[in-house]
């Protein structure tokens, strides 16, 4: 269905925060319209899938950053301290992180709304 976001929409070109906001807001508006018309499928399940993928991606990015962070032990007259040096940030990855962190709360709100409405007005989800 062309109204749905691709599951990896936040990685697709162009990697631009404002463009991704526009795509997200457009999708959320479609979700809201469908939910208020008591149409929960495929929006609710698809939004849950997008959230799961985004959470996994964000966790993978953070694990990678932690894995390549260099920790060094330094001694000085003031004491001993650990200095952490990470890799330089890649602009596109940083934008993807920002998009995910911005998007997740809004997507969670739609999942909560869709879940509440689907319980109030039960329909078959497929």
PDB file of N, CA and C in Angstrom:
ATOM      1  N   UNK A   1       0.856  -1.178   0.000  1.00  0.00           N
ATOM      2  CA  UNK A   1       0.000   0.000   0.000  1.00  0.00           C
ATOM      3  C   UNK A   1       0.899   1.238   0.000  1.00  0.00           C
ATOM      4  N   UNK A   2       0.652   2.155  -0.886  1.00  0.00           N
ATOM      5  CA  UNK A   2       1.542   3.303  -1.013  1.00  0.00           C
ATOM      6  C   UNK A   2       1.400   4.325   0.111  1.00  0.00           C
ATOM      7  N   UNK A   3       0.354   4.227   0.937  1.00  0.00           N
ATOM      8  CA  UNK A   3       0.200   5.131   2.074  1.00  0.00           C
ATOM      9  C   UNK A   3       1.144   4.795   3.217  1.00  0.00           C
ATOM     10  N   UNK A   4       1.669   3.574   3.217  1.00  0.00           N
ATOM     11  CA  UNK A   4       2.510   3.131   4.314  1.00  0.00           C
ATOM     12  C   UNK A   4       3.950   3.571   4.105  1.00  0.00           C
ATOM     13  N   UNK A   5       4.624   3.843   5.208  1.00  0.00           N
ATOM     14  CA  UNK A   5       6.055   4.141   5.157  1.00  0.00           C
ATOM     15  C   UNK A   5       6.823   2.851   4.917  1.00  0.00           C
ATOM     16  N   UNK A   6       7.919   2.953   4.223  1.00  0.00           N
ATOM     17  CA  UNK A   6       8.806   1.801   4.115  1.00  0.00           C
ATOM     18  C   UNK A   6       9.351   1.526   5.511  1.00  0.00           C
ATOM     19  N   UNK A   7       9.626   0.278   5.810  1.00  0.00           N
ATOM     20  CA  UNK A   7      10.126  -0.067   7.140  1.00  0.00           C
ATOM     21  C   UNK A   7      11.469   0.606   7.405  1.00  0.00           C
ATOM     22  N   UNK A   8      12.258   0.818   6.371  1.00  0.00           N
ATOM     23  CA  UNK A   8      13.569   1.465   6.531  1.00  0.00           C
ATOM     24  C   UNK A   8      13.573   2.898   5.994  1.00  0.00           C
ATOM     25  N   UNK A   9      12.456   3.584   6.106  1.00  0.00           N
ATOM     26  CA  UNK A   9      12.295   4.928   5.545  1.00  0.00           C
ATOM     27  C   UNK A   9      13.334   5.912   6.062  1.00  0.00           C
ATOM     28  N   UNK A  10      13.789   5.735   7.264  1.00  0.00           N
ATOM     29  CA  UNK A  10      14.739   6.671   7.884  1.00  0.00           C
ATOM     30  C   UNK A  10      16.151   6.512   7.317  1.00  0.00           C
ATOM     31  N   UNK A  11      16.410   5.411   6.592  1.00  0.00           N
ATOM     32  CA  UNK A  11      17.711   5.176   5.958  1.00  0.00           C
ATOM     33  C   UNK A  11      17.714   5.529   4.472  1.00  0.00           C
ATOM     34  N   UNK A  12      16.548   5.732   3.916  1.00  0.00           N
ATOM     35  CA  UNK A  12      16.467   5.975   2.476  1.00  0.00           C
ATOM     36  C   UNK A  12      16.908   7.394   2.127  1.00  0.00           C
ATOM     37  N   UNK A  13      17.401   7.528   0.928  1.00  0.00           N
ATOM     38  CA  UNK A  13      17.865   8.822   0.436  1.00  0.00           C
ATOM     39  C   UNK A  13      16.667   9.728   0.176  1.00  0.00           C
ATOM     40  N   UNK A  14      16.743  10.989   0.450  1.00  0.00           N
ATOM     41  CA  UNK A  14      17.863  11.719   1.029  1.00  0.00           C
ATOM     42  C   UNK A  14      17.873  11.598   2.552  1.00  0.00           C
ATOM     43  N   UNK A  15      19.062  11.587   3.105  1.00  0.00           N
ATOM     44  CA  UNK A  15      19.236  11.562   4.560  1.00  0.00           C
ATOM     45  C   UNK A  15      19.243  13.027   5.006  1.00  0.00           C
ATOM     46  N   UNK A  16      18.063  13.520   5.298  1.00  0.00           N
ATOM     47  CA  UNK A  16      17.871  14.918   5.668  1.00  0.00           C
ATOM     48  C   UNK A  16      16.787  14.968   6.744  1.00  0.00           C
ATOM     49  N   UNK A  17      17.091  15.587   7.864  1.00  0.00           N
ATOM     50  CA  UNK A  17      16.178  15.591   9.003  1.00  0.00           C
ATOM     51  C   UNK A  17      14.821  16.192   8.653  1.00  0.00           C
ATOM     52  N   UNK A  18      14.803  17.328   7.991  1.00  0.00           N
ATOM     53  CA  UNK A  18      13.535  17.991   7.665  1.00  0.00           C
ATOM     54  C   UNK A  18      12.701  17.157   6.699  1.00  0.00           C
ATOM     55  N   UNK A  19      13.359  16.529   5.746  1.00  0.00           N
ATOM     56  CA  UNK A  19      12.647  15.669   4.794  1.00  0.00           C
ATOM     57  C   UNK A  19      12.009  14.486   5.528  1.00  0.00           C
ATOM     58  N   UNK A  20      12.752  13.903   6.460  1.00  0.00           N
ATOM     59  CA  UNK A  20      12.241  12.761   7.220  1.00  0.00           C
ATOM     60  C   UNK A  20      11.077  13.190   8.117  1.00  0.00           C
ATOM     61  N   UNK A  21      11.153  14.383   8.682  1.00  0.00           N
ATOM     62  CA  UNK A  21      10.030  14.894   9.486  1.00  0.00           C
ATOM     63  C   UNK A  21       8.774  14.998   8.624  1.00  0.00           C
ATOM     64  N   UNK A  22       8.934  15.532   7.427  1.00  0.00           N
ATOM     65  CA  UNK A  22       7.797  15.680   6.510  1.00  0.00           C
ATOM     66  C   UNK A  22       7.178  14.318   6.214  1.00  0.00           C
ATOM     67  N   UNK A  23       8.017  13.321   5.900  1.00  0.00           N
ATOM     68  CA  UNK A  23       7.506  11.971   5.607  1.00  0.00           C
ATOM     69  C   UNK A  23       6.793  11.381   6.822  1.00  0.00           C
ATOM     70  N   UNK A  24       7.387  11.568   7.995  1.00  0.00           N
ATOM     71  CA  UNK A  24       6.780  11.033   9.209  1.00  0.00           C
ATOM     72  C   UNK A  24       5.437  11.701   9.485  1.00  0.00           C
ATOM     73  N   UNK A  25       5.387  13.017   9.436  1.00  0.00           N
ATOM     74  CA  UNK A  25       4.133  13.724   9.715  1.00  0.00           C
ATOM     75  C   UNK A  25       3.039  13.344   8.717  1.00  0.00           C
ATOM     76  N   UNK A  26       3.409  13.150   7.475  1.00  0.00           N
ATOM     77  CA  UNK A  26       2.444  12.720   6.470  1.00  0.00           C
ATOM     78  C   UNK A  26       1.886  11.342   6.828  1.00  0.00           C
ATOM     79  N   UNK A  27       2.761  10.436   7.211  1.00  0.00           N
ATOM     80  CA  UNK A  27       2.322   9.090   7.597  1.00  0.00           C
ATOM     81  C   UNK A  27       1.446   9.140   8.847  1.00  0.00           C
ATOM     82  N   UNK A  28       1.841   9.924   9.842  1.00  0.00           N
ATOM     83  CA  UNK A  28       1.067  10.010  11.079  1.00  0.00           C
ATOM     84  C   UNK A  28      -0.325  10.580  10.818  1.00  0.00           C
ATOM     85  N   UNK A  29      -0.409  11.511   9.914  1.00  0.00           N
ATOM     86  CA  UNK A  29      -1.702  12.086   9.549  1.00  0.00           C
ATOM     87  C   UNK A  29      -2.598  11.017   8.914  1.00  0.00           C
ATOM     88  N   UNK A  30      -2.015  10.175   8.074  1.00  0.00           N
ATOM     89  CA  UNK A  30      -2.778   9.079   7.466  1.00  0.00           C
ATOM     90  C   UNK A  30      -3.226   8.078   8.520  1.00  0.00           C
ATOM     91  N   UNK A  31      -2.344   7.793   9.478  1.00  0.00           N
ATOM     92  CA  UNK A  31      -2.709   6.888  10.580  1.00  0.00           C
ATOM     93  C   UNK A  31      -3.870   7.460  11.368  1.00  0.00           C
ATOM     94  N   UNK A  32      -3.777   8.725  11.726  1.00  0.00           N
ATOM     95  CA  UNK A  32      -4.834   9.359  12.505  1.00  0.00           C
ATOM     96  C   UNK A  32      -6.174   9.292  11.771  1.00  0.00           C
ATOM     97  N   UNK A  33      -6.157   9.616  10.494  1.00  0.00           N
ATOM     98  CA  UNK A  33      -7.395   9.574   9.702  1.00  0.00           C
ATOM     99  C   UNK A  33      -7.982   8.171   9.676  1.00  0.00           C
ATOM    100  N   UNK A  34      -7.130   7.188   9.451  1.00  0.00           N
ATOM    101  CA  UNK A  34      -7.602   5.800   9.399  1.00  0.00           C
ATOM    102  C   UNK A  34      -8.146   5.368  10.759  1.00  0.00           C
ATOM    103  N   UNK A  35      -7.444   5.692  11.826  1.00  0.00           N
ATOM    104  CA  UNK A  35      -7.880   5.279  13.158  1.00  0.00           C
ATOM    105  C   UNK A  35      -9.224   5.900  13.509  1.00  0.00           C
ATOM    106  N   UNK A  36      -9.415   7.166  13.194  1.00  0.00           N
ATOM    107  CA  UNK A  36     -10.675   7.806  13.521  1.00  0.00           C
ATOM    108  C   UNK A  36     -11.820   7.317  12.641  1.00  0.00           C
ATOM    109  N   UNK A  37     -11.484   6.705  11.524  1.00  0.00           N
ATOM    110  CA  UNK A  37     -12.493   6.061  10.681  1.00  0.00           C
ATOM    111  C   UNK A  37     -12.657   4.587  11.065  1.00  0.00           C
ATOM    112  N   UNK A  38     -11.994   4.205  12.161  1.00  0.00           N
ATOM    113  CA  UNK A  38     -12.029   2.843  12.701  1.00  0.00           C
ATOM    114  C   UNK A  38     -11.412   1.828  11.746  1.00  0.00           C
ATOM    115  N   UNK A  39     -10.414   2.268  11.000  1.00  0.00           N
ATOM    116  CA  UNK A  39      -9.647   1.389  10.122  1.00  0.00           C
ATOM    117  C   UNK A  39      -8.282   1.226  10.784  1.00  0.00           C
ATOM    118  N   UNK A  40      -8.038   0.060  11.351  1.00  0.00           N
ATOM    119  CA  UNK A  40      -6.810  -0.152  12.113  1.00  0.00           C
ATOM    120  C   UNK A  40      -5.762  -0.944  11.343  1.00  0.00           C
ATOM    121  N   UNK A  41      -6.221  -1.673  10.359  1.00  0.00           N
ATOM    122  CA  UNK A  41      -5.297  -2.475   9.572  1.00  0.00           C
ATOM    123  C   UNK A  41      -5.131  -1.830   8.210  1.00  0.00           C
ATOM    124  N   UNK A  42      -3.939  -1.720   7.717  1.00  0.00           N
ATOM    125  CA  UNK A  42      -2.677  -2.258   8.197  1.00  0.00           C
ATOM    126  C   UNK A  42      -1.873  -1.277   9.054  1.00  0.00           C
ATOM    127  N   UNK A  43      -2.415  -0.111   9.325  1.00  0.00           N
ATOM    128  CA  UNK A  43      -1.633   0.953   9.960  1.00  0.00           C
ATOM    129  C   UNK A  43      -1.082   0.582  11.333  1.00  0.00           C
ATOM    130  N   UNK A  44      -1.903   0.006  12.184  1.00  0.00           N
ATOM    131  CA  UNK A  44      -1.460  -0.288  13.543  1.00  0.00           C
ATOM    132  C   UNK A  44      -0.323  -1.311  13.544  1.00  0.00           C
ATOM    133  N   UNK A  45      -0.516  -2.405  12.866  1.00  0.00           N
ATOM    134  CA  UNK A  45       0.521  -3.441  12.832  1.00  0.00           C
ATOM    135  C   UNK A  45       1.775  -2.956  12.117  1.00  0.00           C
ATOM    136  N   UNK A  46       1.603  -2.192  11.062  1.00  0.00           N
ATOM    137  CA  UNK A  46       2.755  -1.684  10.321  1.00  0.00           C
ATOM    138  C   UNK A  46       3.552  -0.687  11.168  1.00  0.00           C
ATOM    139  N   UNK A  47       2.868   0.155  11.911  1.00  0.00           N
ATOM    140  CA  UNK A  47       3.545   1.109  12.781  1.00  0.00           C
ATOM    141  C   UNK A  47       4.323   0.380  13.872  1.00  0.00           C
ATOM    142  N   UNK A  48       3.752  -0.685  14.406  1.00  0.00           N
ATOM    143  CA  UNK A  48       4.476  -1.495  15.390  1.00  0.00           C
ATOM    144  C   UNK A  48       5.736  -2.092  14.776  1.00  0.00           C
ATOM    145  N   UNK A  49       5.662  -2.534  13.538  1.00  0.00           N
ATOM    146  CA  UNK A  49       6.831  -3.102  12.851  1.00  0.00           C
ATOM    147  C   UNK A  49       7.899  -2.026  12.636  1.00  0.00           C
ATOM    148  N   UNK A  50       7.484  -0.840  12.222  1.00  0.00           N
ATOM    149  CA  UNK A  50       8.434   0.258  12.021  1.00  0.00           C
ATOM    150  C   UNK A  50       9.152   0.575  13.334  1.00  0.00           C
ATOM    151  N   UNK A  51       8.403   0.662  14.423  1.00  0.00           N
ATOM    152  CA  UNK A  51       8.989   0.969  15.733  1.00  0.00           C
ATOM    153  C   UNK A  51      10.001  -0.101  16.126  1.00  0.00           C
ATOM    154  N   UNK A  52       9.648  -1.354  15.945  1.00  0.00           N
ATOM    155  CA  UNK A  52      10.569  -2.444  16.302  1.00  0.00           C
ATOM    156  C   UNK A  52      11.857  -2.344  15.496  1.00  0.00           C
ATOM    157  N   UNK A  53      11.745  -2.056  14.206  1.00  0.00           N
ATOM    158  CA  UNK A  53      12.931  -1.919  13.351  1.00  0.00           C
ATOM    159  C   UNK A  53      13.773  -0.718  13.766  1.00  0.00           C
ATOM    160  N   UNK A  54      13.121   0.388  14.095  1.00  0.00           N
ATOM    161  CA  UNK A  54      13.846   1.585  14.496  1.00  0.00           C
ATOM    162  C   UNK A  54      14.567   1.369  15.822  1.00  0.00           C
ATOM    163  N   UNK A  55      13.923   0.708  16.762  1.00  0.00           N
ATOM    164  CA  UNK A  55      14.564   0.433  18.052  1.00  0.00           C
ATOM    165  C   UNK A  55      15.792  -0.462  17.862  1.00  0.00           C
ATOM    166  N   UNK A  56      15.660  -1.466  17.014  1.00  0.00           N
ATOM    167  CA  UNK A  56      16.789  -2.361  16.732  1.00  0.00           C
ATOM    168  C   UNK A  56      17.925  -1.602  16.079  1.00  0.00           C
ATOM    169  N   UNK A  57      17.606  -0.770  15.111  1.00  0.00           N
ATOM    170  CA  UNK A  57      18.629   0.018  14.421  1.00  0.00           C
ATOM    171  C   UNK A  57      19.342   0.952  15.390  1.00  0.00           C
ATOM    172  N   UNK A  58      18.591   1.649  16.227  1.00  0.00           N
ATOM    173  CA  UNK A  58      19.187   2.569  17.193  1.00  0.00           C
ATOM    174  C   UNK A  58      20.097   1.819  18.157  1.00  0.00           C
ATOM    175  N   UNK A  59      19.652   0.664  18.621  1.00  0.00           N
ATOM    176  CA  UNK A  59      20.475  -0.135  19.534  1.00  0.00           C
ATOM    177  C   UNK A  59      21.748  -0.603  18.834  1.00  0.00           C
ATOM    178  N   UNK A  60      21.648  -1.010  17.575  1.00  0.00           N
ATOM    179  CA  UNK A  60      22.825  -1.445  16.813  1.00  0.00           C
ATOM    180  C   UNK A  60      23.821  -0.301  16.624  1.00  0.00           C
ATOM    181  N   UNK A  61      23.330   0.894  16.360  1.00  0.00           N
ATOM    182  CA  UNK A  61      24.213   2.051  16.202  1.00  0.00           C
ATOM    183  C   UNK A  61      24.936   2.331  17.511  1.00  0.00           C
ATOM    184  N   UNK A  62      24.191   2.327  18.611  1.00  0.00           N
ATOM    185  CA  UNK A  62      24.798   2.607  19.915  1.00  0.00           C
ATOM    186  C   UNK A  62      25.798   1.515  20.309  1.00  0.00           C
ATOM    187  N   UNK A  63      25.474   0.259  20.030  1.00  0.00           N
ATOM    188  CA  UNK A  63      26.412  -0.839  20.320  1.00  0.00           C
ATOM    189  C   UNK A  63      27.688  -0.689  19.505  1.00  0.00           C
ATOM    190  N   UNK A  64      27.550  -0.311  18.245  1.00  0.00           N
ATOM    191  CA  UNK A  64      28.719  -0.104  17.392  1.00  0.00           C
ATOM    192  C   UNK A  64      29.591   1.018  17.940  1.00  0.00           C
ATOM    193  N   UNK A  65      28.963   2.135  18.315  1.00  0.00           N
ATOM    194  CA  UNK A  65      29.715   3.266  18.851  1.00  0.00           C
ATOM    195  C   UNK A  65      30.437   2.885  20.140  1.00  0.00           C
ATOM    196  N   UNK A  66      29.763   2.122  21.011  1.00  0.00           N
ATOM    197  CA  UNK A  66      30.414   1.673  22.251  1.00  0.00           C
ATOM    198  C   UNK A  66      31.566   0.726  21.939  1.00  0.00           C
ATOM    199  N   UNK A  67      31.382  -0.115  20.938  1.00  0.00           N
ATOM    200  CA  UNK A  67      32.396  -1.098  20.590  1.00  0.00           C
ATOM    201  C   UNK A  67      33.670  -0.509  20.025  1.00  0.00           C
ATOM    202  N   UNK A  68      33.560   0.633  19.373  1.00  0.00           N
ATOM    203  CA  UNK A  68      34.753   1.232  18.766  1.00  0.00           C
ATOM    204  C   UNK A  68      35.307   2.382  19.598  1.00  0.00           C
ATOM    205  N   UNK A  69      34.733   2.609  20.771  1.00  0.00           N
ATOM    206  CA  UNK A  69      35.250   3.646  21.656  1.00  0.00           C
ATOM    207  C   UNK A  69      36.514   3.129  22.330  1.00  0.00           C
ATOM    208  N   UNK A  70      37.557   3.902  22.239  1.00  0.00           N
ATOM    209  CA  UNK A  70      38.847   3.531  22.824  1.00  0.00           C
ATOM    210  C   UNK A  70      38.923   4.129  24.226  1.00  0.00           C
ATOM    211  N   UNK A  71      39.252   3.274  25.192  1.00  0.00           N
ATOM    212  CA  UNK A  71      39.407   3.730  26.571  1.00  0.00           C
ATOM    213  C   UNK A  71      40.886   3.648  26.931  1.00  0.00           C
ATOM    214  N   UNK A  72      41.417   4.747  27.448  1.00  0.00           N
ATOM    215  CA  UNK A  72      42.820   4.803  27.843  1.00  0.00           C
ATOM    216  C   UNK A  72      42.915   5.204  29.311  1.00  0.00           C
ATOM    217  N   UNK A  73      43.843   4.608  29.994  1.00  0.00           N
ATOM    218  CA  UNK A  73      44.079   4.901  31.402  1.00  0.00           C
ATOM    219  C   UNK A  73      45.237   5.888  31.493  1.00  0.00           C
ATOM    220  N   UNK A  74      45.012   7.015  32.211  1.00  0.00           N
ATOM    221  CA  UNK A  74      46.029   8.052  32.354  1.00  0.00           C
ATOM    222  C   UNK A  74      46.347   8.266  33.832  1.00  0.00           C
ATOM    223  N   UNK A  75      47.622   8.507  34.081  1.00  0.00           N
ATOM    224  CA  UNK A  75      48.082   8.802  35.441  1.00  0.00           C
ATOM    225  C   UNK A  75      48.595  10.237  35.471  1.00  0.00           C
ATOM    226  N   UNK A  76      48.244  10.950  36.510  1.00  0.00           N
ATOM    227  CA  UNK A  76      48.748  12.311  36.672  1.00  0.00           C
ATOM    228  C   UNK A  76      48.947  12.561  38.159  1.00  0.00           C
ATOM    229  N   UNK A  77      49.451  13.737  38.477  1.00  0.00           N
ATOM    230  CA  UNK A  77      49.643  14.085  39.887  1.00  0.00           C
ATOM    231  C   UNK A  77      48.303  14.175  40.622  1.00  0.00           C
ATOM    232  N   UNK A  78      47.256  14.512  39.893  1.00  0.00           N
ATOM    233  CA  UNK A  78      45.931  14.628  40.501  1.00  0.00           C
ATOM    234  C   UNK A  78      45.282  13.268  40.726  1.00  0.00           C
ATOM    235  N   UNK A  79      45.734  12.237  40.043  1.00  0.00           N
ATOM    236  CA  UNK A  79      45.155  10.910  40.210  1.00  0.00           C
ATOM    237  C   UNK A  79      45.138  10.136  38.902  1.00  0.00           C
ATOM    238  N   UNK A  80      44.326   9.130  38.893  1.00  0.00           N
ATOM    239  CA  UNK A  80      44.179   8.250  37.731  1.00  0.00           C
ATOM    240  C   UNK A  80      42.812   8.524  37.104  1.00  0.00           C
ATOM    241  N   UNK A  81      42.780   8.585  35.799  1.00  0.00           N
ATOM    242  CA  UNK A  81      41.496   8.770  35.132  1.00  0.00           C
ATOM    243  C   UNK A  81      41.476   8.017  33.808  1.00  0.00           C
ATOM    244  N   UNK A  82      40.262   7.771  33.348  1.00  0.00           N
ATOM    245  CA  UNK A  82      40.050   7.070  32.078  1.00  0.00           C
ATOM    246  C   UNK A  82      39.567   8.080  31.055  1.00  0.00           C
ATOM    247  N   UNK A  83      40.179   8.041  29.894  1.00  0.00           N
ATOM    248  CA  UNK A  83      39.774   8.920  28.808  1.00  0.00           C
ATOM    249  C   UNK A  83      39.178   8.044  27.706  1.00  0.00           C
ATOM    250  N   UNK A  84      37.984   8.423  27.252  1.00  0.00           N
ATOM    251  CA  UNK A  84      37.331   7.694  26.173  1.00  0.00           C
ATOM    252  C   UNK A  84      37.422   8.494  24.890  1.00  0.00           C
ATOM    253  N   UNK A  85      37.823   7.826  23.837  1.00  0.00           N
ATOM    254  CA  UNK A  85      37.896   8.456  22.524  1.00  0.00           C
ATOM    255  C   UNK A  85      37.056   7.641  21.557  1.00  0.00           C
ATOM    256  N   UNK A  86      36.006   8.245  21.064  1.00  0.00           N
ATOM    257  CA  UNK A  86      35.157   7.573  20.082  1.00  0.00           C
ATOM    258  C   UNK A  86      35.608   7.905  18.681  1.00  0.00           C
ATOM    259  N   UNK A  87      35.004   7.216  17.747  1.00  0.00           N
ATOM    260  CA  UNK A  87      35.302   7.519  16.352  1.00  0.00           C
ATOM    261  C   UNK A  87      34.597   8.820  15.981  1.00  0.00           C
ATOM    262  N   UNK A  88      35.088   9.507  14.980  1.00  0.00           N
ATOM    263  CA  UNK A  88      34.373  10.712  14.542  1.00  0.00           C
ATOM    264  C   UNK A  88      32.971  10.344  14.071  1.00  0.00           C
ATOM    265  N   UNK A  89      32.014  11.190  14.373  1.00  0.00           N
ATOM    266  CA  UNK A  89      30.630  10.948  13.967  1.00  0.00           C
ATOM    267  C   UNK A  89      30.498  11.073  12.455  1.00  0.00           C
ATOM    268  N   UNK A  90      29.761  10.160  11.884  1.00  0.00           N
ATOM    269  CA  UNK A  90      29.433  10.224  10.467  1.00  0.00           C
ATOM    270  C   UNK A  90      28.113  10.978  10.373  1.00  0.00           C
ATOM    271  N   UNK A  91      28.082  12.038   9.585  1.00  0.00           N
ATOM    272  CA  UNK A  91      26.915  12.917   9.538  1.00  0.00           C
ATOM    273  C   UNK A  91      25.616  12.161   9.260  1.00  0.00           C
ATOM    274  N   UNK A  92      25.630  11.257   8.288  1.00  0.00           N
ATOM    275  CA  UNK A  92      24.405  10.543   7.922  1.00  0.00           C
ATOM    276  C   UNK A  92      23.911   9.665   9.069  1.00  0.00           C
ATOM    277  N   UNK A  93      24.842   8.995   9.753  1.00  0.00           N
ATOM    278  CA  UNK A  93      24.450   8.142  10.880  1.00  0.00           C
ATOM    279  C   UNK A  93      23.900   8.996  12.014  1.00  0.00           C
ATOM    280  N   UNK A  94      24.497  10.150  12.240  1.00  0.00           N
ATOM    281  CA  UNK A  94      24.012  11.050  13.281  1.00  0.00           C
ATOM    282  C   UNK A  94      22.600  11.539  12.949  1.00  0.00           C
ATOM    283  N   UNK A  95      22.345  11.843  11.689  1.00  0.00           N
ATOM    284  CA  UNK A  95      21.006  12.281  11.281  1.00  0.00           C
ATOM    285  C   UNK A  95      20.012  11.148  11.468  1.00  0.00           C
ATOM    286  N   UNK A  96      20.393   9.935  11.097  1.00  0.00           N
ATOM    287  CA  UNK A  96      19.513   8.781  11.279  1.00  0.00           C
ATOM    288  C   UNK A  96      19.175   8.609  12.761  1.00  0.00           C
ATOM    289  N   UNK A  97      20.167   8.741  13.632  1.00  0.00           N
ATOM    290  CA  UNK A  97      19.915   8.661  15.078  1.00  0.00           C
ATOM    291  C   UNK A  97      18.922   9.727  15.521  1.00  0.00           C
ATOM    292  N   UNK A  98      19.118  10.948  15.053  1.00  0.00           N
ATOM    293  CA  UNK A  98      18.223  12.048  15.424  1.00  0.00           C
ATOM    294  C   UNK A  98      16.806  11.793  14.920  1.00  0.00           C
ATOM    295  N   UNK A  99      16.684  11.291  13.708  1.00  0.00           N
ATOM    296  CA  UNK A  99      15.366  10.988  13.144  1.00  0.00           C
ATOM    297  C   UNK A  99      14.676   9.920  13.978  1.00  0.00           C
ATOM    298  N   UNK A 100      15.402   8.873  14.322  1.00  0.00           N
ATOM    299  CA  UNK A 100      14.819   7.787  15.119  1.00  0.00           C
ATOM    300  C   UNK A 100      14.393   8.306  16.488  1.00  0.00           C
ATOM    301  N   UNK A 101      15.262   9.041  17.153  1.00  0.00           N
ATOM    302  CA  UNK A 101      14.943   9.555  18.490  1.00  0.00           C
ATOM    303  C   UNK A 101      13.775  10.539  18.455  1.00  0.00           C
ATOM    304  N   UNK A 102      13.646  11.285  17.382  1.00  0.00           N
ATOM    305  CA  UNK A 102      12.519  12.200  17.215  1.00  0.00           C
ATOM    306  C   UNK A 102      11.228  11.429  16.918  1.00  0.00           C
ATOM    307  N   UNK A 103      11.338  10.395  16.106  1.00  0.00           N
ATOM    308  CA  UNK A 103      10.163   9.682  15.591  1.00  0.00           C
ATOM    309  C   UNK A 103       9.538   8.708  16.574  1.00  0.00           C
ATOM    310  N   UNK A 104      10.362   8.031  17.353  1.00  0.00           N
ATOM    311  CA  UNK A 104       9.837   6.974  18.216  1.00  0.00           C
ATOM    312  C   UNK A 104       8.709   7.434  19.152  1.00  0.00           C
ATOM    313  N   UNK A 105       8.850   8.545  19.864  1.00  0.00           N
ATOM    314  CA  UNK A 105       7.740   8.943  20.747  1.00  0.00           C
ATOM    315  C   UNK A 105       6.438   9.209  19.978  1.00  0.00           C
ATOM    316  N   UNK A 106       6.543   9.785  18.797  1.00  0.00           N
ATOM    317  CA  UNK A 106       5.349  10.068  18.002  1.00  0.00           C
ATOM    318  C   UNK A 106       4.707   8.776  17.494  1.00  0.00           C
ATOM    319  N   UNK A 107       5.528   7.830  17.092  1.00  0.00           N
ATOM    320  CA  UNK A 107       5.002   6.542  16.639  1.00  0.00           C
ATOM    321  C   UNK A 107       4.393   5.766  17.802  1.00  0.00           C
ATOM    322  N   UNK A 108       5.019   5.824  18.975  1.00  0.00           N
ATOM    323  CA  UNK A 108       4.448   5.173  20.152  1.00  0.00           C
ATOM    324  C   UNK A 108       3.074   5.759  20.483  1.00  0.00           C
ATOM    325  N   UNK A 109       2.923   7.073  20.333  1.00  0.00           N
ATOM    326  CA  UNK A 109       1.621   7.701  20.586  1.00  0.00           C
ATOM    327  C   UNK A 109       0.559   7.144  19.653  1.00  0.00           C
ATOM    328  N   UNK A 110       0.921   6.946  18.380  1.00  0.00           N
ATOM    329  CA  UNK A 110      -0.053   6.420  17.418  1.00  0.00           C
ATOM    330  C   UNK A 110      -0.396   4.970  17.725  1.00  0.00           C
ATOM    331  N   UNK A 111       0.583   4.206  18.154  1.00  0.00           N
ATOM    332  CA  UNK A 111       0.315   2.808  18.528  1.00  0.00           C
ATOM    333  C   UNK A 111      -0.643   2.770  19.716  1.00  0.00           C
ATOM    334  N   UNK A 112      -0.390   3.635  20.693  1.00  0.00           N
ATOM    335  CA  UNK A 112      -1.264   3.691  21.861  1.00  0.00           C
ATOM    336  C   UNK A 112      -2.680   4.109  21.463  1.00  0.00           C
ATOM    337  N   UNK A 113      -2.781   5.131  20.618  1.00  0.00           N
ATOM    338  CA  UNK A 113      -4.095   5.590  20.150  1.00  0.00           C
ATOM    339  C   UNK A 113      -4.805   4.483  19.378  1.00  0.00           C
ATOM    340  N   UNK A 114      -4.105   3.877  18.430  1.00  0.00           N
ATOM    341  CA  UNK A 114      -4.714   2.813  17.630  1.00  0.00           C
ATOM    342  C   UNK A 114      -5.131   1.627  18.484  1.00  0.00           C
ATOM    343  N   UNK A 115      -4.321   1.289  19.477  1.00  0.00           N
ATOM    344  CA  UNK A 115      -4.658   0.166  20.368  1.00  0.00           C
ATOM    345  C   UNK A 115      -5.907   0.466  21.186  1.00  0.00           C
ATOM    346  N   UNK A 116      -5.987   1.679  21.730  1.00  0.00           N
ATOM    347  CA  UNK A 116      -7.163   2.056  22.518  1.00  0.00           C
ATOM    348  C   UNK A 116      -8.426   2.043  21.656  1.00  0.00           C
ATOM    349  N   UNK A 117      -8.329   2.625  20.474  1.00  0.00           N
ATOM    350  CA  UNK A 117      -9.500   2.670  19.597  1.00  0.00           C
ATOM    351  C   UNK A 117      -9.888   1.289  19.098  1.00  0.00           C
ATOM    352  N   UNK A 118      -8.893   0.434  18.827  1.00  0.00           N
ATOM    353  CA  UNK A 118      -9.219  -0.907  18.336  1.00  0.00           C
ATOM    354  C   UNK A 118      -9.883  -1.746  19.422  1.00  0.00           C
ATOM    355  N   UNK A 119      -9.562  -1.475  20.685  1.00  0.00           N
ATOM    356  CA  UNK A 119     -10.231  -2.179  21.778  1.00  0.00           C
ATOM    357  C   UNK A 119     -11.663  -1.672  21.949  1.00  0.00           C
ATOM    358  N   UNK A 120     -11.826  -0.377  21.740  1.00  0.00           N
ATOM    359  CA  UNK A 120     -13.154   0.208  21.875  1.00  0.00           C
ATOM    360  C   UNK A 120     -14.057  -0.180  20.696  1.00  0.00           C
ATOM    361  N   UNK A 121     -13.469  -0.274  19.512  1.00  0.00           N
ATOM    362  CA  UNK A 121     -14.197  -0.629  18.296  1.00  0.00           C
ATOM    363  C   UNK A 121     -13.501  -1.831  17.638  1.00  0.00           C
ATOM    364  N   UNK A 122     -13.706  -3.026  18.192  1.00  0.00           N
ATOM    365  CA  UNK A 122     -12.947  -4.198  17.707  1.00  0.00           C
ATOM    366  C   UNK A 122     -13.194  -4.503  16.229  1.00  0.00           C
ATOM    367  N   UNK A 123     -12.125  -4.806  15.561  1.00  0.00           N
ATOM    368  CA  UNK A 123     -12.144  -5.274  14.173  1.00  0.00           C
ATOM    369  C   UNK A 123     -11.028  -6.282  14.031  1.00  0.00           C
ATOM    370  N   UNK A 124     -11.075  -7.028  12.984  1.00  0.00           N
ATOM    371  CA  UNK A 124     -10.034  -8.009  12.736  1.00  0.00           C
ATOM    372  C   UNK A 124      -8.805  -7.306  12.192  1.00  0.00           C
ATOM    373  N   UNK A 125      -7.640  -7.558  12.812  1.00  0.00           N
ATOM    374  CA  UNK A 125      -6.367  -7.048  12.313  1.00  0.00           C
ATOM    375  C   UNK A 125      -5.686  -8.170  11.557  1.00  0.00           C
ATOM    376  N   UNK A 126      -5.173  -7.853  10.380  1.00  0.00           N
ATOM    377  CA  UNK A 126      -4.430  -8.870   9.627  1.00  0.00           C
ATOM    378  C   UNK A 126      -3.150  -8.309   9.151  1.00  0.00           C
TER     379      UNK A 126
END
